[in-house]
Amino acid sequence: MKIGRIIGTVVATRKDERLTGHKLMITQGLDLEGNPEGDAVIAVDTVGAGIGELVIFTEGTAARYAADKPQSPIDAAIIGIIDNIDVYEELLKKRR
């Protein structure tokens, strides 16, 4: 699972039939400080997330199962909307 922010939507009237009925959102991965990390991905929204929201998303096989479509071409799925994040910085410093 990863932390991300919804930065846009994708509308595709012609697509694989197994994606019909799913909302597609552009999701940018974030590091623990909220900075963009890696490339943005198009993810199937399973929780009703909106533009600008912080989310939990997953990729790969877990994404297909989260969307309840194990035989679909889904590679990323939004599986939660984040209300709050608490990072204990002192624990990160001990590991270094």
PDB file of N, CA and C in Angstrom:
ATOM      1  N   MET A   1       0.843  -1.186   0.000  1.00  0.00           N
ATOM      2  CA  MET A   1       0.000   0.000   0.000  1.00  0.00           C
ATOM      3  C   MET A   1       0.879   1.235   0.000  1.00  0.00           C
ATOM      4  N   LYS A   2       0.363   2.276  -0.595  1.00  0.00           N
ATOM      5  CA  LYS A   2       1.101   3.525  -0.726  1.00  0.00           C
ATOM      6  C   LYS A   2       0.196   4.710  -0.390  1.00  0.00           C
ATOM      7  N   ILE A   3       0.849   5.832  -0.062  1.00  0.00           N
ATOM      8  CA  ILE A   3       0.134   7.087   0.167  1.00  0.00           C
ATOM      9  C   ILE A   3       0.143   7.875  -1.134  1.00  0.00           C
ATOM     10  N   GLY A   4      -0.992   8.497  -1.460  1.00  0.00           N
ATOM     11  CA  GLY A   4      -1.058   9.302  -2.675  1.00  0.00           C
ATOM     12  C   GLY A   4      -2.068  10.422  -2.552  1.00  0.00           C
ATOM     13  N   ARG A   5      -2.101  11.256  -3.585  1.00  0.00           N
ATOM     14  CA  ARG A   5      -3.078  12.339  -3.666  1.00  0.00           C
ATOM     15  C   ARG A   5      -3.751  12.258  -5.028  1.00  0.00           C
ATOM     16  N   ILE A   6      -5.073  12.436  -5.027  1.00  0.00           N
ATOM     17  CA  ILE A   6      -5.826  12.431  -6.276  1.00  0.00           C
ATOM     18  C   ILE A   6      -5.581  13.778  -6.961  1.00  0.00           C
ATOM     19  N   ILE A   7      -5.028  13.731  -8.177  1.00  0.00           N
ATOM     20  CA  ILE A   7      -4.696  14.978  -8.871  1.00  0.00           C
ATOM     21  C   ILE A   7      -5.502  15.171 -10.153  1.00  0.00           C
ATOM     22  N   GLY A   8      -6.360  14.216 -10.478  1.00  0.00           N
ATOM     23  CA  GLY A   8      -7.162  14.375 -11.688  1.00  0.00           C
ATOM     24  C   GLY A   8      -8.027  13.162 -11.955  1.00  0.00           C
ATOM     25  N   THR A   9      -8.801  13.253 -13.010  1.00  0.00           N
ATOM     26  CA  THR A   9      -9.668  12.150 -13.422  1.00  0.00           C
ATOM     27  C   THR A   9      -9.378  11.795 -14.871  1.00  0.00           C
ATOM     28  N   VAL A  10      -9.780  10.601 -15.259  1.00  0.00           N
ATOM     29  CA  VAL A  10      -9.647  10.151 -16.642  1.00  0.00           C
ATOM     30  C   VAL A  10     -11.016   9.661 -17.091  1.00  0.00           C
ATOM     31  N   VAL A  11     -11.450  10.154 -18.249  1.00  0.00           N
ATOM     32  CA  VAL A  11     -12.692   9.678 -18.851  1.00  0.00           C
ATOM     33  C   VAL A  11     -12.308   8.983 -20.153  1.00  0.00           C
ATOM     34  N   ALA A  12     -12.698   7.722 -20.287  1.00  0.00           N
ATOM     35  CA  ALA A  12     -12.411   6.957 -21.495  1.00  0.00           C
ATOM     36  C   ALA A  12     -13.699   6.256 -21.917  1.00  0.00           C
ATOM     37  N   THR A  13     -14.341   6.774 -22.940  1.00  0.00           N
ATOM     38  CA  THR A  13     -15.597   6.165 -23.377  1.00  0.00           C
ATOM     39  C   THR A  13     -15.357   4.814 -24.042  1.00  0.00           C
ATOM     40  N   ARG A  14     -14.195   4.641 -24.639  1.00  0.00           N
ATOM     41  CA  ARG A  14     -13.827   3.348 -25.223  1.00  0.00           C
ATOM     42  C   ARG A  14     -12.708   2.762 -24.382  1.00  0.00           C
ATOM     43  N   LYS A  15     -12.997   1.632 -23.760  1.00  0.00           N
ATOM     44  CA  LYS A  15     -12.007   0.977 -22.899  1.00  0.00           C
ATOM     45  C   LYS A  15     -12.355  -0.495 -22.777  1.00  0.00           C
ATOM     46  N   ASP A  16     -11.500  -1.269 -22.162  1.00  0.00           N
ATOM     47  CA  ASP A  16     -11.762  -2.681 -21.918  1.00  0.00           C
ATOM     48  C   ASP A  16     -13.093  -2.803 -21.190  1.00  0.00           C
ATOM     49  N   GLU A  17     -13.938  -3.693 -21.640  1.00  0.00           N
ATOM     50  CA  GLU A  17     -15.288  -3.821 -21.063  1.00  0.00           C
ATOM     51  C   GLU A  17     -15.272  -4.149 -19.573  1.00  0.00           C
ATOM     52  N   ARG A  18     -14.189  -4.742 -19.091  1.00  0.00           N
ATOM     53  CA  ARG A  18     -14.104  -5.075 -17.656  1.00  0.00           C
ATOM     54  C   ARG A  18     -13.876  -3.839 -16.790  1.00  0.00           C
ATOM     55  N   LEU A  19     -13.607  -2.685 -17.412  1.00  0.00           N
ATOM     56  CA  LEU A  19     -13.441  -1.428 -16.674  1.00  0.00           C
ATOM     57  C   LEU A  19     -14.704  -0.584 -16.671  1.00  0.00           C
ATOM     58  N   THR A  20     -15.715  -1.004 -17.400  1.00  0.00           N
ATOM     59  CA  THR A  20     -16.967  -0.252 -17.472  1.00  0.00           C
ATOM     60  C   THR A  20     -17.572  -0.096 -16.078  1.00  0.00           C
ATOM     61  N   GLY A  21     -17.970   1.122 -15.764  1.00  0.00           N
ATOM     62  CA  GLY A  21     -18.593   1.387 -14.472  1.00  0.00           C
ATOM     63  C   GLY A  21     -17.623   1.796 -13.376  1.00  0.00           C
ATOM     64  N   HIS A  22     -16.329   1.786 -13.672  1.00  0.00           N
ATOM     65  CA  HIS A  22     -15.337   2.175 -12.670  1.00  0.00           C
ATOM     66  C   HIS A  22     -14.860   3.600 -12.914  1.00  0.00           C
ATOM     67  N   LYS A  23     -14.756   4.388 -11.837  1.00  0.00           N
ATOM     68  CA  LYS A  23     -14.216   5.742 -11.910  1.00  0.00           C
ATOM     69  C   LYS A  23     -12.690   5.636 -11.923  1.00  0.00           C
ATOM     70  N   LEU A  24     -12.055   6.328 -12.863  1.00  0.00           N
ATOM     71  CA  LEU A  24     -10.602   6.304 -12.994  1.00  0.00           C
ATOM     72  C   LEU A  24     -10.025   7.629 -12.512  1.00  0.00           C
ATOM     73  N   MET A  25      -9.081   7.556 -11.604  1.00  0.00           N
ATOM     74  CA  MET A  25      -8.500   8.750 -10.993  1.00  0.00           C
ATOM     75  C   MET A  25      -6.986   8.762 -11.198  1.00  0.00           C
ATOM     76  N   ILE A  26      -6.437   9.945 -11.464  1.00  0.00           N
ATOM     77  CA  ILE A  26      -4.981  10.087 -11.559  1.00  0.00           C
ATOM     78  C   ILE A  26      -4.463  10.276 -10.136  1.00  0.00           C
ATOM     79  N   THR A  27      -3.580   9.374  -9.727  1.00  0.00           N
ATOM     80  CA  THR A  27      -3.095   9.342  -8.353  1.00  0.00           C
ATOM     81  C   THR A  27      -1.576   9.534  -8.337  1.00  0.00           C
ATOM     82  N   GLN A  28      -1.119  10.538  -7.595  1.00  0.00           N
ATOM     83  CA  GLN A  28       0.311  10.797  -7.462  1.00  0.00           C
ATOM     84  C   GLN A  28       0.802  10.233  -6.137  1.00  0.00           C
ATOM     85  N   GLY A  29       1.760   9.328  -6.185  1.00  0.00           N
ATOM     86  CA  GLY A  29       2.361   8.799  -4.964  1.00  0.00           C
ATOM     87  C   GLY A  29       3.095   9.893  -4.205  1.00  0.00           C
ATOM     88  N   LEU A  30       3.118   9.779  -2.877  1.00  0.00           N
ATOM     89  CA  LEU A  30       3.764  10.778  -2.019  1.00  0.00           C
ATOM     90  C   LEU A  30       4.707  10.099  -1.037  1.00  0.00           C
ATOM     91  N   ASP A  31       5.752  10.823  -0.639  1.00  0.00           N
ATOM     92  CA  ASP A  31       6.596  10.325   0.448  1.00  0.00           C
ATOM     93  C   ASP A  31       5.973  10.742   1.782  1.00  0.00           C
ATOM     94  N   LEU A  32       6.618  10.430   2.887  1.00  0.00           N
ATOM     95  CA  LEU A  32       6.051  10.735   4.206  1.00  0.00           C
ATOM     96  C   LEU A  32       5.943  12.227   4.491  1.00  0.00           C
ATOM     97  N   GLU A  33       6.671  13.046   3.743  1.00  0.00           N
ATOM     98  CA  GLU A  33       6.596  14.498   3.932  1.00  0.00           C
ATOM     99  C   GLU A  33       5.590  15.143   2.989  1.00  0.00           C
ATOM    100  N   GLY A  34       4.925  14.328   2.159  1.00  0.00           N
ATOM    101  CA  GLY A  34       3.919  14.849   1.245  1.00  0.00           C
ATOM    102  C   GLY A  34       4.458  15.307  -0.095  1.00  0.00           C
ATOM    103  N   ASN A  35       5.725  14.995  -0.376  1.00  0.00           N
ATOM    104  CA  ASN A  35       6.331  15.360  -1.654  1.00  0.00           C
ATOM    105  C   ASN A  35       6.025  14.300  -2.709  1.00  0.00           C
ATOM    106  N   PRO A  36       5.809  14.707  -3.967  1.00  0.00           N
ATOM    107  CA  PRO A  36       5.546  13.736  -5.029  1.00  0.00           C
ATOM    108  C   PRO A  36       6.685  12.725  -5.139  1.00  0.00           C
ATOM    109  N   GLU A  37       6.306  11.473  -5.382  1.00  0.00           N
ATOM    110  CA  GLU A  37       7.287  10.397  -5.466  1.00  0.00           C
ATOM    111  C   GLU A  37       6.913   9.482  -6.632  1.00  0.00           C
ATOM    112  N   GLY A  38       7.781   9.370  -7.604  1.00  0.00           N
ATOM    113  CA  GLY A  38       7.521   8.510  -8.743  1.00  0.00           C
ATOM    114  C   GLY A  38       6.521   9.122  -9.712  1.00  0.00           C
ATOM    115  N   ASP A  39       6.112   8.313 -10.683  1.00  0.00           N
ATOM    116  CA  ASP A  39       5.149   8.755 -11.686  1.00  0.00           C
ATOM    117  C   ASP A  39       3.728   8.641 -11.167  1.00  0.00           C
ATOM    118  N   ALA A  40       2.862   9.510 -11.642  1.00  0.00           N
ATOM    119  CA  ALA A  40       1.437   9.398 -11.331  1.00  0.00           C
ATOM    120  C   ALA A  40       0.893   8.152 -12.041  1.00  0.00           C
ATOM    121  N   VAL A  41      -0.143   7.539 -11.452  1.00  0.00           N
ATOM    122  CA  VAL A  41      -0.766   6.354 -12.042  1.00  0.00           C
ATOM    123  C   VAL A  41      -2.269   6.579 -12.165  1.00  0.00           C
ATOM    124  N   ILE A  42      -2.873   5.861 -13.077  1.00  0.00           N
ATOM    125  CA  ILE A  42      -4.326   5.869 -13.192  1.00  0.00           C
ATOM    126  C   ILE A  42      -4.829   4.706 -12.350  1.00  0.00           C
ATOM    127  N   ALA A  43      -5.679   5.010 -11.374  1.00  0.00           N
ATOM    128  CA  ALA A  43      -6.161   4.004 -10.440  1.00  0.00           C
ATOM    129  C   ALA A  43      -7.683   3.940 -10.453  1.00  0.00           C
ATOM    130  N   VAL A  44      -8.204   2.734 -10.296  1.00  0.00           N
ATOM    131  CA  VAL A  44      -9.647   2.537 -10.151  1.00  0.00           C
ATOM    132  C   VAL A  44     -10.026   2.955  -8.732  1.00  0.00           C
ATOM    133  N   ASP A  45     -11.057   3.770  -8.619  1.00  0.00           N
ATOM    134  CA  ASP A  45     -11.508   4.259  -7.314  1.00  0.00           C
ATOM    135  C   ASP A  45     -12.545   3.298  -6.741  1.00  0.00           C
ATOM    136  N   THR A  46     -12.222   2.678  -5.614  1.00  0.00           N
ATOM    137  CA  THR A  46     -13.164   1.753  -4.970  1.00  0.00           C
ATOM    138  C   THR A  46     -13.854   2.356  -3.759  1.00  0.00           C
ATOM    139  N   VAL A  47     -13.501   3.628  -3.413  1.00  0.00           N
ATOM    140  CA  VAL A  47     -14.021   4.211  -2.172  1.00  0.00           C
ATOM    141  C   VAL A  47     -14.696   5.567  -2.334  1.00  0.00           C
ATOM    142  N   GLY A  48     -14.784   6.093  -3.540  1.00  0.00           N
ATOM    143  CA  GLY A  48     -15.432   7.393  -3.741  1.00  0.00           C
ATOM    144  C   GLY A  48     -14.557   8.573  -3.400  1.00  0.00           C
ATOM    145  N   ALA A  49     -13.269   8.487  -3.699  1.00  0.00           N
ATOM    146  CA  ALA A  49     -12.337   9.587  -3.417  1.00  0.00           C
ATOM    147  C   ALA A  49     -12.570  10.746  -4.382  1.00  0.00           C
ATOM    148  N   GLY A  50     -12.149  11.936  -3.960  1.00  0.00           N
ATOM    149  CA  GLY A  50     -12.309  13.125  -4.787  1.00  0.00           C
ATOM    150  C   GLY A  50     -10.994  13.820  -5.047  1.00  0.00           C
ATOM    151  N   ILE A  51     -11.018  14.776  -5.944  1.00  0.00           N
ATOM    152  CA  ILE A  51      -9.827  15.541  -6.306  1.00  0.00           C
ATOM    153  C   ILE A  51      -9.226  16.198  -5.064  1.00  0.00           C
ATOM    154  N   GLY A  52      -7.913  16.084  -4.923  1.00  0.00           N
ATOM    155  CA  GLY A  52      -7.190  16.708  -3.821  1.00  0.00           C
ATOM    156  C   GLY A  52      -7.102  15.871  -2.564  1.00  0.00           C
ATOM    157  N   GLU A  53      -7.846  14.778  -2.481  1.00  0.00           N
ATOM    158  CA  GLU A  53      -7.835  13.979  -1.248  1.00  0.00           C
ATOM    159  C   GLU A  53      -6.586  13.109  -1.153  1.00  0.00           C
ATOM    160  N   LEU A  54      -6.133  12.920   0.092  1.00  0.00           N
ATOM    161  CA  LEU A  54      -5.072  11.959   0.382  1.00  0.00           C
ATOM    162  C   LEU A  54      -5.700  10.573   0.432  1.00  0.00           C
ATOM    163  N   VAL A  55      -5.036   9.604  -0.199  1.00  0.00           N
ATOM    164  CA  VAL A  55      -5.603   8.263  -0.279  1.00  0.00           C
ATOM    165  C   VAL A  55      -4.547   7.201  -0.025  1.00  0.00           C
ATOM    166  N   ILE A  56      -5.033   5.996   0.228  1.00  0.00           N
ATOM    167  CA  ILE A  56      -4.202   4.801   0.245  1.00  0.00           C
ATOM    168  C   ILE A  56      -4.493   4.088  -1.067  1.00  0.00           C
ATOM    169  N   PHE A  57      -3.439   3.731  -1.788  1.00  0.00           N
ATOM    170  CA  PHE A  57      -3.660   2.971  -3.011  1.00  0.00           C
ATOM    171  C   PHE A  57      -2.716   1.783  -3.062  1.00  0.00           C
ATOM    172  N   THR A  58      -3.087   0.816  -3.847  1.00  0.00           N
ATOM    173  CA  THR A  58      -2.285  -0.388  -3.995  1.00  0.00           C
ATOM    174  C   THR A  58      -2.114  -0.681  -5.468  1.00  0.00           C
ATOM    175  N   GLU A  59      -1.100  -1.450  -5.784  1.00  0.00           N
ATOM    176  CA  GLU A  59      -0.816  -1.767  -7.180  1.00  0.00           C
ATOM    177  C   GLU A  59      -0.672  -3.274  -7.363  1.00  0.00           C
ATOM    178  N   GLY A  60      -0.778  -3.723  -8.608  1.00  0.00           N
ATOM    179  CA  GLY A  60      -0.592  -5.123  -8.939  1.00  0.00           C
ATOM    180  C   GLY A  60      -1.822  -5.972  -8.647  1.00  0.00           C
ATOM    181  N   THR A  61      -1.591  -7.236  -8.341  1.00  0.00           N
ATOM    182  CA  THR A  61      -2.675  -8.183  -8.104  1.00  0.00           C
ATOM    183  C   THR A  61      -3.614  -7.718  -6.992  1.00  0.00           C
ATOM    184  N   ALA A  62      -3.065  -7.110  -5.954  1.00  0.00           N
ATOM    185  CA  ALA A  62      -3.901  -6.617  -4.855  1.00  0.00           C
ATOM    186  C   ALA A  62      -4.932  -5.602  -5.344  1.00  0.00           C
ATOM    187  N   ALA A  63      -4.572  -4.813  -6.355  1.00  0.00           N
ATOM    188  CA  ALA A  63      -5.495  -3.811  -6.904  1.00  0.00           C
ATOM    189  C   ALA A  63      -6.680  -4.486  -7.585  1.00  0.00           C
ATOM    190  N   ARG A  64      -6.435  -5.549  -8.314  1.00  0.00           N
ATOM    191  CA  ARG A  64      -7.531  -6.265  -8.986  1.00  0.00           C
ATOM    192  C   ARG A  64      -8.488  -6.870  -7.963  1.00  0.00           C
ATOM    193  N   TYR A  65      -7.946  -7.429  -6.906  1.00  0.00           N
ATOM    194  CA  TYR A  65      -8.812  -8.008  -5.866  1.00  0.00           C
ATOM    195  C   TYR A  65      -9.570  -6.934  -5.099  1.00  0.00           C
ATOM    196  N   ALA A  66      -8.935  -5.777  -4.870  1.00  0.00           N
ATOM    197  CA  ALA A  66      -9.612  -4.680  -4.168  1.00  0.00           C
ATOM    198  C   ALA A  66     -10.817  -4.195  -4.956  1.00  0.00           C
ATOM    199  N   ALA A  67     -10.707  -4.216  -6.280  1.00  0.00           N
ATOM    200  CA  ALA A  67     -11.807  -3.781  -7.140  1.00  0.00           C
ATOM    201  C   ALA A  67     -12.784  -4.933  -7.412  1.00  0.00           C
ATOM    202  N   ASP A  68     -12.524  -6.094  -6.824  1.00  0.00           N
ATOM    203  CA  ASP A  68     -13.361  -7.293  -7.006  1.00  0.00           C
ATOM    204  C   ASP A  68     -13.448  -7.696  -8.477  1.00  0.00           C
ATOM    205  N   LYS A  69     -12.335  -7.542  -9.184  1.00  0.00           N
ATOM    206  CA  LYS A  69     -12.241  -7.884 -10.609  1.00  0.00           C
ATOM    207  C   LYS A  69     -10.900  -8.584 -10.856  1.00  0.00           C
ATOM    208  N   PRO A  70     -10.707  -9.802 -10.337  1.00  0.00           N
ATOM    209  CA  PRO A  70      -9.397 -10.457 -10.448  1.00  0.00           C
ATOM    210  C   PRO A  70      -8.939 -10.751 -11.881  1.00  0.00           C
ATOM    211  N   GLN A  71      -9.847 -10.770 -12.839  1.00  0.00           N
ATOM    212  CA  GLN A  71      -9.466 -11.041 -14.231  1.00  0.00           C
ATOM    213  C   GLN A  71      -9.391  -9.778 -15.088  1.00  0.00           C
ATOM    214  N   SER A  72      -9.396  -8.609 -14.469  1.00  0.00           N
ATOM    215  CA  SER A  72      -9.408  -7.344 -15.220  1.00  0.00           C
ATOM    216  C   SER A  72      -7.992  -6.798 -15.404  1.00  0.00           C
ATOM    217  N   PRO A  73      -7.839  -5.810 -16.300  1.00  0.00           N
ATOM    218  CA  PRO A  73      -6.527  -5.203 -16.540  1.00  0.00           C
ATOM    219  C   PRO A  73      -6.206  -4.066 -15.564  1.00  0.00           C
ATOM    220  N   ILE A  74      -6.671  -4.172 -14.331  1.00  0.00           N
ATOM    221  CA  ILE A  74      -6.435  -3.124 -13.330  1.00  0.00           C
ATOM    222  C   ILE A  74      -5.058  -3.314 -12.709  1.00  0.00           C
ATOM    223  N   ASP A  75      -4.264  -2.239 -12.675  1.00  0.00           N
ATOM    224  CA  ASP A  75      -2.935  -2.292 -12.085  1.00  0.00           C
ATOM    225  C   ASP A  75      -2.829  -1.463 -10.808  1.00  0.00           C
ATOM    226  N   ALA A  76      -3.794  -0.557 -10.570  1.00  0.00           N
ATOM    227  CA  ALA A  76      -3.768   0.274  -9.364  1.00  0.00           C
ATOM    228  C   ALA A  76      -5.200   0.537  -8.915  1.00  0.00           C
ATOM    229  N   ALA A  77      -5.410   0.538  -7.585  1.00  0.00           N
ATOM    230  CA  ALA A  77      -6.740   0.795  -7.033  1.00  0.00           C
ATOM    231  C   ALA A  77      -6.619   1.649  -5.782  1.00  0.00           C
ATOM    232  N   ILE A  78      -7.535   2.608  -5.657  1.00  0.00           N
ATOM    233  CA  ILE A  78      -7.625   3.437  -4.453  1.00  0.00           C
ATOM    234  C   ILE A  78      -8.478   2.658  -3.464  1.00  0.00           C
ATOM    235  N   ILE A  79      -7.908   2.398  -2.281  1.00  0.00           N
ATOM    236  CA  ILE A  79      -8.588   1.523  -1.325  1.00  0.00           C
ATOM    237  C   ILE A  79      -8.939   2.209  -0.010  1.00  0.00           C
ATOM    238  N   GLY A  80      -8.568   3.479   0.137  1.00  0.00           N
ATOM    239  CA  GLY A  80      -8.913   4.200   1.360  1.00  0.00           C
ATOM    240  C   GLY A  80      -8.687   5.687   1.221  1.00  0.00           C
ATOM    241  N   ILE A  81      -9.453   6.458   1.982  1.00  0.00           N
ATOM    242  CA  ILE A  81      -9.279   7.910   2.058  1.00  0.00           C
ATOM    243  C   ILE A  81      -8.655   8.206   3.420  1.00  0.00           C
ATOM    244  N   ILE A  82      -7.533   8.911   3.410  1.00  0.00           N
ATOM    245  CA  ILE A  82      -6.783   9.172   4.643  1.00  0.00           C
ATOM    246  C   ILE A  82      -7.378  10.365   5.386  1.00  0.00           C
ATOM    247  N   ASP A  83      -7.660  10.162   6.662  1.00  0.00           N
ATOM    248  CA  ASP A  83      -8.136  11.245   7.523  1.00  0.00           C
ATOM    249  C   ASP A  83      -6.985  11.944   8.229  1.00  0.00           C
ATOM    250  N   ASN A  84      -5.982  11.160   8.642  1.00  0.00           N
ATOM    251  CA  ASN A  84      -4.887  11.710   9.424  1.00  0.00           C
ATOM    252  C   ASN A  84      -3.681  10.789   9.309  1.00  0.00           C
ATOM    253  N   ILE A  85      -2.496  11.379   9.347  1.00  0.00           N
ATOM    254  CA  ILE A  85      -1.253  10.607   9.352  1.00  0.00           C
ATOM    255  C   ILE A  85      -0.410  11.102  10.518  1.00  0.00           C
ATOM    256  N   ASP A  86       0.051  10.189  11.363  1.00  0.00           N
ATOM    257  CA  ASP A  86       0.968  10.520  12.446  1.00  0.00           C
ATOM    258  C   ASP A  86       2.271   9.771  12.199  1.00  0.00           C
ATOM    259  N   VAL A  87       3.349  10.517  12.012  1.00  0.00           N
ATOM    260  CA  VAL A  87       4.665   9.914  11.808  1.00  0.00           C
ATOM    261  C   VAL A  87       5.521  10.273  13.014  1.00  0.00           C
ATOM    262  N   TYR A  88       6.090   9.276  13.647  1.00  0.00           N
ATOM    263  CA  TYR A  88       6.947   9.480  14.804  1.00  0.00           C
ATOM    264  C   TYR A  88       8.385   9.607  14.321  1.00  0.00           C
ATOM    265  N   GLU A  89       8.783  10.854  14.058  1.00  0.00           N
ATOM    266  CA  GLU A  89      10.092  11.155  13.464  1.00  0.00           C
ATOM    267  C   GLU A  89      11.245  10.537  14.261  1.00  0.00           C
ATOM    268  N   GLU A  90      11.147  10.511  15.587  1.00  0.00           N
ATOM    269  CA  GLU A  90      12.237   9.990  16.408  1.00  0.00           C
ATOM    270  C   GLU A  90      12.492   8.506  16.120  1.00  0.00           C
ATOM    271  N   LEU A  91      11.477   7.775  15.713  1.00  0.00           N
ATOM    272  CA  LEU A  91      11.665   6.367  15.373  1.00  0.00           C
ATOM    273  C   LEU A  91      12.377   6.218  14.032  1.00  0.00           C
ATOM    274  N   LEU A  92      12.137   7.129  13.117  1.00  0.00           N
ATOM    275  CA  LEU A  92      12.842   7.091  11.830  1.00  0.00           C
ATOM    276  C   LEU A  92      14.324   7.394  12.019  1.00  0.00           C
ATOM    277  N   LYS A  93      14.642   8.321  12.907  1.00  0.00           N
ATOM    278  CA  LYS A  93      16.032   8.705  13.148  1.00  0.00           C
ATOM    279  C   LYS A  93      16.818   7.575  13.782  1.00  0.00           C
ATOM    280  N   LYS A  94      16.191   6.753  14.618  1.00  0.00           N
ATOM    281  CA  LYS A  94      16.870   5.637  15.276  1.00  0.00           C
ATOM    282  C   LYS A  94      17.315   4.579  14.284  1.00  0.00           C
ATOM    283  N   ARG A  95      16.616   4.433  13.184  1.00  0.00           N
ATOM    284  CA  ARG A  95      16.933   3.415  12.200  1.00  0.00           C
ATOM    285  C   ARG A  95      18.159   3.767  11.380  1.00  0.00           C
ATOM    286  N   ARG A  96      18.497   5.032  11.281  1.00  0.00           N
ATOM    287  CA  ARG A  96      19.606   5.475  10.427  1.00  0.00           C
ATOM    288  C   ARG A  96      20.930   5.318  11.089  1.00  0.00           C
TER     289      ARG A  96
END
